[in-house]
C-alpha atoms as a PDB file:
ATOM      1  CA  MET A   1     140.068 115.435 -78.111  1.00  0.00           C
ATOM      2  CA  SER A   2     143.531 116.871 -78.634  1.00  0.00           C
ATOM      3  CA  ILE A   3     144.088 120.566 -77.935  1.00  0.00           C
ATOM      4  CA  ALA A   4     146.858 120.595 -80.554  1.00  0.00           C
ATOM      5  CA  TYR A   5     144.548 119.155 -83.218  1.00  0.00           C
ATOM      6  CA  VAL A   6     141.777 121.627 -82.377  1.00  0.00           C
ATOM      7  CA  ALA A   7     144.159 124.593 -82.495  1.00  0.00           C
ATOM      8  CA  LEU A   8     145.642 123.487 -85.808  1.00  0.00           C
ATOM      9  CA  ALA A   9     142.220 122.655 -87.269  1.00  0.00           C
ATOM     10  CA  VAL A  10     140.885 126.100 -86.349  1.00  0.00           C
ATOM     11  CA  LEU A  11     143.941 127.859 -87.776  1.00  0.00           C
ATOM     12  CA  LEU A  12     143.885 125.846 -90.997  1.00  0.00           C
ATOM     13  CA  SER A  13     140.119 126.282 -91.327  1.00  0.00           C
ATOM     14  CA  LEU A  14     140.467 130.062 -91.078  1.00  0.00           C
ATOM     15  CA  VAL A  15     143.045 130.000 -93.876  1.00  0.00           C
ATOM     16  CA  LEU A  16     140.847 127.742 -96.009  1.00  0.00           C
ATOM     17  CA  VAL A  17     137.766 129.936 -95.545  1.00  0.00           C
ATOM     18  CA  ALA A  18     139.726 133.110 -96.335  1.00  0.00           C
ATOM     19  CA  SER A  19     141.199 131.521 -99.452  1.00  0.00           C
ATOM     20  CA  GLY A  20     137.837 130.158-100.588  1.00  0.00           C
ATOM     21  CA  ARG A  21     136.197 133.533-100.043  1.00  0.00           C
ATOM     22  CA  GLY A  22     138.950 135.182-102.068  1.00  0.00           C
ATOM     23  CA  LYS A  23     138.231 132.849-104.955  1.00  0.00           C
ATOM     24  CA  LEU A  24     134.477 133.500-104.821  1.00  0.00           C
ATOM     25  CA  VAL A  25     134.755 137.294-104.694  1.00  0.00           C
ATOM     26  CA  LYS A  26     137.680 137.184-107.149  1.00  0.00           C
ATOM     27  CA  ASP A  27     140.072 138.986-104.819  1.00  0.00           C
ATOM     28  CA  GLU A  28     143.036 140.144-106.907  1.00  0.00           C
ATOM     29  CA  ARG A  29     145.599 138.756-104.450  1.00  0.00           C
ATOM     30  CA  VAL A  30     144.093 135.294-104.743  1.00  0.00           C
ATOM     31  CA  THR A  31     143.116 135.240-108.400  1.00  0.00           C
ATOM     32  CA  SER A  32     146.330 136.710-109.850  1.00  0.00           C
ATOM     33  CA  SER A  33     148.325 133.713-108.663  1.00  0.00           C
ATOM     34  CA  LEU A  34     145.804 131.245-110.094  1.00  0.00           C
ATOM     35  CA  ASP A  35     145.522 133.166-113.346  1.00  0.00           C
ATOM     36  CA  GLY A  36     149.313 133.095-113.593  1.00  0.00           C
ATOM     37  CA  ILE A  37     149.445 129.318-113.517  1.00  0.00           C
ATOM     38  CA  GLY A  38     146.584 128.878-115.959  1.00  0.00           C
ATOM     39  CA  ILE A  39     143.700 127.876-113.683  1.00  0.00           C
ATOM     40  CA  PRO A  40     140.442 128.812-115.453  1.00  0.00           C
ATOM     41  CA  ARG A  41     138.213 131.205-113.519  1.00  0.00           C
ATOM     42  CA  GLY A  42     135.277 128.821-113.991  1.00  0.00           C
ATOM     43  CA  VAL A  43     137.017 126.380-111.635  1.00  0.00           C
ATOM     44  CA  PHE A  44     137.322 128.934-108.799  1.00  0.00           C
ATOM     45  CA  PRO A  45     133.909 128.120-107.254  1.00  0.00           C
ATOM     46  CA  VAL A  46     134.773 124.411-107.215  1.00  0.00           C
ATOM     47  CA  LEU A  47     138.109 125.104-105.520  1.00  0.00           C
ATOM     48  CA  ALA A  48     136.370 127.378-103.008  1.00  0.00           C
ATOM     49  CA  GLY A  49     133.805 124.663-102.283  1.00  0.00           C
ATOM     50  CA  LEU A  50     136.579 122.155-101.639  1.00  0.00           C
ATOM     51  CA  GLU A  51     138.238 124.579 -99.251  1.00  0.00           C
ATOM     52  CA  PHE A  52     134.975 125.239 -97.387  1.00  0.00           C
ATOM     53  CA  ALA A  53     134.279 121.503 -97.149  1.00  0.00           C
ATOM     54  CA  GLY A  54     137.796 120.861 -95.836  1.00  0.00           C
ATOM     55  CA  ALA A  55     137.438 123.605 -93.228  1.00  0.00           C
ATOM     56  CA  LEU A  56     134.088 122.304 -92.034  1.00  0.00           C
ATOM     57  CA  GLY A  57     135.336 118.722 -91.935  1.00  0.00           C
ATOM     58  CA  LEU A  58     138.395 119.681 -89.908  1.00  0.00           C
ATOM     59  CA  LEU A  59     136.270 121.533 -87.371  1.00  0.00           C
ATOM     60  CA  ILE A  60     133.648 118.808 -87.042  1.00  0.00           C
ATOM     61  CA  GLY A  61     136.526 116.348 -86.855  1.00  0.00           C
ATOM     62  CA  ALA A  62     137.416 117.705 -83.423  1.00  0.00           C
ATOM     63  CA  GLY A  63     134.343 115.885 -82.124  1.00  0.00           C
ATOM     64  CA  PHE A  64     134.068 113.098 -84.692  1.00  0.00           C
ATOM     65  CA  ARG A  65     137.627 112.085 -85.484  1.00  0.00           C
ATOM     66  CA  PRO A  66     136.930 109.887 -88.561  1.00  0.00           C
ATOM     67  CA  LEU A  67     135.563 112.959 -90.348  1.00  0.00           C
ATOM     68  CA  GLY A  68     138.582 114.969 -89.208  1.00  0.00           C
ATOM     69  CA  ILE A  69     140.908 112.361 -90.661  1.00  0.00           C
ATOM     70  CA  ALA A  70     138.999 112.252 -93.943  1.00  0.00           C
ATOM     71  CA  ALA A  71     138.962 116.053 -94.162  1.00  0.00           C
ATOM     72  CA  ALA A  72     142.676 116.256 -93.370  1.00  0.00           C
ATOM     73  CA  VAL A  73     143.423 113.732 -96.133  1.00  0.00           C
ATOM     74  CA  GLY A  74     141.364 115.834 -98.541  1.00  0.00           C
ATOM     75  CA  VAL A  75     143.135 119.049 -97.534  1.00  0.00           C
ATOM     76  CA  VAL A  76     146.540 117.362 -97.910  1.00  0.00           C
ATOM     77  CA  LEU A  77     145.568 116.237-101.417  1.00  0.00           C
ATOM     78  CA  TYR A  78     144.217 119.714-102.240  1.00  0.00           C
ATOM     79  CA  PHE A  79     147.458 121.438-101.278  1.00  0.00           C
ATOM     80  CA  ALA A  80     149.604 118.738-102.887  1.00  0.00           C
ATOM     81  CA  GLY A  81     147.719 119.483-106.104  1.00  0.00           C
ATOM     82  CA  ALA A  82     148.302 123.199-105.600  1.00  0.00           C
ATOM     83  CA  VAL A  83     152.043 122.675-105.178  1.00  0.00           C
ATOM     84  CA  ILE A  84     152.150 120.476-108.276  1.00  0.00           C
ATOM     85  CA  ALA A  85     150.187 123.049-110.296  1.00  0.00           C
ATOM     86  CA  HIS A  86     152.609 125.815-109.321  1.00  0.00           C
ATOM     87  CA  LEU A  87     155.658 123.676-110.072  1.00  0.00           C
ATOM     88  CA  ARG A  88     154.279 122.534-113.435  1.00  0.00           C
ATOM     89  CA  ALA A  89     153.743 126.173-114.381  1.00  0.00           C
ATOM     90  CA  ARG A  90     157.316 126.885-113.226  1.00  0.00           C
ATOM     91  CA  ASP A  91     155.955 129.349-110.693  1.00  0.00           C
ATOM     92  CA  ALA A  92     158.592 128.938-108.006  1.00  0.00           C
ATOM     93  CA  LYS A  93     157.571 132.300-106.533  1.00  0.00           C
ATOM     94  CA  GLY A  94     153.995 131.125-105.870  1.00  0.00           C
ATOM     95  CA  ALA A  95     154.765 127.564-104.739  1.00  0.00           C
ATOM     96  CA  PRO A  96     155.977 128.278-101.169  1.00  0.00           C
ATOM     97  CA  VAL A  97     152.554 129.337 -99.848  1.00  0.00           C
ATOM     98  CA  PRO A  98     150.770 126.114-100.824  1.00  0.00           C
ATOM     99  CA  GLY A  99     153.916 124.254 -99.765  1.00  0.00           C
ATOM    100  CA  VAL A 100     153.678 125.636 -96.238  1.00  0.00           C
ATOM    101  CA  LEU A 101     149.941 124.912 -96.153  1.00  0.00           C
ATOM    102  CA  LEU A 102     150.664 121.374 -97.332  1.00  0.00           C
ATOM    103  CA  ALA A 103     153.047 120.930 -94.393  1.00  0.00           C
ATOM    104  CA  VAL A 104     150.444 122.308 -91.959  1.00  0.00           C
ATOM    105  CA  SER A 105     147.822 119.992 -93.473  1.00  0.00           C
ATOM    106  CA  ILE A 106     150.120 117.003 -93.033  1.00  0.00           C
ATOM    107  CA  ALA A 107     150.610 117.998 -89.394  1.00  0.00           C
ATOM    108  CA  ALA A 108     146.824 118.207 -88.927  1.00  0.00           C
ATOM    109  CA  LEU A 109     146.452 114.750 -90.468  1.00  0.00           C
ATOM    110  CA  ALA A 110     149.178 113.335 -88.224  1.00  0.00           C
ATOM    111  CA  LEU A 111     147.546 114.823 -85.127  1.00  0.00           C
ATOM    112  CA  ALA A 112     144.113 113.565 -86.172  1.00  0.00           C
ATOM    113  CA  VAL A 113     145.419 110.026 -86.642  1.00  0.00           C
ATOM    114  CA  ALA A 114     147.575 110.081 -83.513  1.00  0.00           C
ATOM    115  CA  THR A 115     144.696 111.152 -81.277  1.00  0.00           C
ATOM    116  CA  VAL A 116     142.017 108.726 -82.425  1.00  0.00           C
END
């Protein structure tokens, strides 16, 4: 088990859970950005579920690395999609947050693979 992976997985999981919760309770800070890029509110529970699943997979992945790798791949794809959605909507103001989270997710994936 890598201390760096565990620390990053916990940090990223906290962000994912907070973001997923914001989507479920329709927190204005979370939903205004998604509304602005045209994401239908009916999709919010699905996005929240993906975030919760990614968080859980990252945490369990500390003990069972194949699941951690799979979860990290999923989180990387999730945030890559978020960056693409913001860029397609020409929302340069909203793209940096998912961009940073994409970079953190890539780091988590690299640590998960490197410490198998």
